[in-house]
Amino acid sequence: MWAFLPKKLKMQNKTISIIIATYNSGLTLKECLDGLLAQTNLSLNIIIIDGNSTDNTKDIIHRYEAKIK
């Protein structure tokens, strides 16, 4: 996913903000967050905006809350 970023950007001390808009994303959100959190050479600011999901999306967000603050 991040292979397309220029090497110069990877080496700078910059923070990249990722905004994730969700609605009933329980089937894909965990994989998405795990992939983002696995990035070791990037400083990330992850923002999740949920559209009042009715599945387990909110539960997943709460489980990751401490990791994405």
C-alpha atoms as a PDB file:
ATOM      1  CA  MET A   1       0.000   0.000   0.000  1.00  0.00           C
ATOM      2  CA  TRP A   2       2.704   2.492   0.960  1.00  0.00           C
ATOM      3  CA  ALA A   3       5.158   1.319  -1.688  1.00  0.00           C
ATOM      4  CA  PHE A   4       3.968   4.169  -3.895  1.00  0.00           C
ATOM      5  CA  LEU A   5       5.148   6.889  -1.518  1.00  0.00           C
ATOM      6  CA  PRO A   6       8.377   8.578  -2.594  1.00  0.00           C
ATOM      7  CA  LYS A   7      11.425   7.522  -0.582  1.00  0.00           C
ATOM      8  CA  LYS A   8      12.025  11.145   0.358  1.00  0.00           C
ATOM      9  CA  LEU A   9       8.643  11.263   2.144  1.00  0.00           C
ATOM     10  CA  LYS A  10       9.332   8.049   4.033  1.00  0.00           C
ATOM     11  CA  MET A  11      12.536   9.440   5.463  1.00  0.00           C
ATOM     12  CA  GLN A  12      11.140  12.746   6.685  1.00  0.00           C
ATOM     13  CA  ASN A  13       9.687  13.156  10.168  1.00  0.00           C
ATOM     14  CA  LYS A  14       6.189  13.886   8.952  1.00  0.00           C
ATOM     15  CA  THR A  15       2.827  12.702  10.171  1.00  0.00           C
ATOM     16  CA  ILE A  16       0.327  11.365   7.677  1.00  0.00           C
ATOM     17  CA  SER A  17      -3.342  11.689   8.614  1.00  0.00           C
ATOM     18  CA  ILE A  18      -5.575   8.816   7.531  1.00  0.00           C
ATOM     19  CA  ILE A  19      -9.311   9.446   7.608  1.00  0.00           C
ATOM     20  CA  ILE A  20     -11.480   6.327   7.550  1.00  0.00           C
ATOM     21  CA  ALA A  21     -15.201   6.817   6.954  1.00  0.00           C
ATOM     22  CA  THR A  22     -17.145   3.747   8.047  1.00  0.00           C
ATOM     23  CA  TYR A  23     -20.664   2.426   7.934  1.00  0.00           C
ATOM     24  CA  ASN A  24     -21.207  -1.227   8.802  1.00  0.00           C
ATOM     25  CA  SER A  25     -17.546  -1.967   8.042  1.00  0.00           C
ATOM     26  CA  GLY A  26     -17.134  -4.741  10.580  1.00  0.00           C
ATOM     27  CA  LEU A  27     -15.938  -7.205   7.957  1.00  0.00           C
ATOM     28  CA  THR A  28     -13.057  -5.013   6.735  1.00  0.00           C
ATOM     29  CA  LEU A  29     -12.172  -2.483   9.442  1.00  0.00           C
ATOM     30  CA  LYS A  30      -9.954  -4.779  11.538  1.00  0.00           C
ATOM     31  CA  GLU A  31      -7.828  -5.707   8.508  1.00  0.00           C
ATOM     32  CA  CYS A  32      -7.582  -2.040   7.530  1.00  0.00           C
ATOM     33  CA  LEU A  33      -6.449  -0.940  10.999  1.00  0.00           C
ATOM     34  CA  ASP A  34      -4.018  -3.849  11.366  1.00  0.00           C
ATOM     35  CA  GLY A  35      -2.441  -2.894   8.052  1.00  0.00           C
ATOM     36  CA  LEU A  36      -2.071   0.729   9.067  1.00  0.00           C
ATOM     37  CA  LEU A  37      -0.668  -0.101  12.493  1.00  0.00           C
ATOM     38  CA  ALA A  38       1.876  -2.474  10.924  1.00  0.00           C
ATOM     39  CA  GLN A  39       3.576   0.453   9.185  1.00  0.00           C
ATOM     40  CA  THR A  40       6.881   0.989  10.942  1.00  0.00           C
ATOM     41  CA  ASN A  41       8.426   3.812   8.946  1.00  0.00           C
ATOM     42  CA  LEU A  42       5.488   6.215   9.073  1.00  0.00           C
ATOM     43  CA  SER A  43       4.012   8.396  11.762  1.00  0.00           C
ATOM     44  CA  LEU A  44       0.255   8.088  11.388  1.00  0.00           C
ATOM     45  CA  ASN A  45      -2.689  10.024  12.734  1.00  0.00           C
ATOM     46  CA  ILE A  46      -5.714   7.749  12.247  1.00  0.00           C
ATOM     47  CA  ILE A  47      -9.155   9.355  12.333  1.00  0.00           C
ATOM     48  CA  ILE A  48     -12.242   7.145  12.156  1.00  0.00           C
ATOM     49  CA  ILE A  49     -15.638   8.643  11.398  1.00  0.00           C
ATOM     50  CA  ASP A  50     -18.520   6.219  11.795  1.00  0.00           C
ATOM     51  CA  GLY A  51     -21.935   6.776  10.241  1.00  0.00           C
ATOM     52  CA  ASN A  52     -23.850   5.180  13.143  1.00  0.00           C
ATOM     53  CA  SER A  53     -23.135   1.581  12.142  1.00  0.00           C
ATOM     54  CA  THR A  54     -25.490  -1.155  13.258  1.00  0.00           C
ATOM     55  CA  ASP A  55     -23.011  -4.054  13.004  1.00  0.00           C
ATOM     56  CA  ASN A  56     -19.847  -4.613  15.093  1.00  0.00           C
ATOM     57  CA  THR A  57     -17.958  -1.625  13.643  1.00  0.00           C
ATOM     58  CA  LYS A  58     -18.209   0.376  16.875  1.00  0.00           C
ATOM     59  CA  ASP A  59     -16.906  -2.588  18.901  1.00  0.00           C
ATOM     60  CA  ILE A  60     -13.863  -2.831  16.637  1.00  0.00           C
ATOM     61  CA  ILE A  61     -13.228   0.902  16.944  1.00  0.00           C
ATOM     62  CA  HIS A  62     -13.353   0.638  20.744  1.00  0.00           C
ATOM     63  CA  ARG A  63     -10.921  -2.308  20.732  1.00  0.00           C
ATOM     64  CA  TYR A  64      -8.398  -0.258  18.749  1.00  0.00           C
ATOM     65  CA  GLU A  65      -9.039   3.014  20.554  1.00  0.00           C
ATOM     66  CA  ALA A  66      -5.889   2.909  22.699  1.00  0.00           C
ATOM     67  CA  LYS A  67      -3.715   2.002  19.715  1.00  0.00           C
ATOM     68  CA  ILE A  68      -4.937   4.772  17.421  1.00  0.00           C
ATOM     69  CA  LYS A  69      -4.946   7.737  19.789  1.00  0.00           C
END
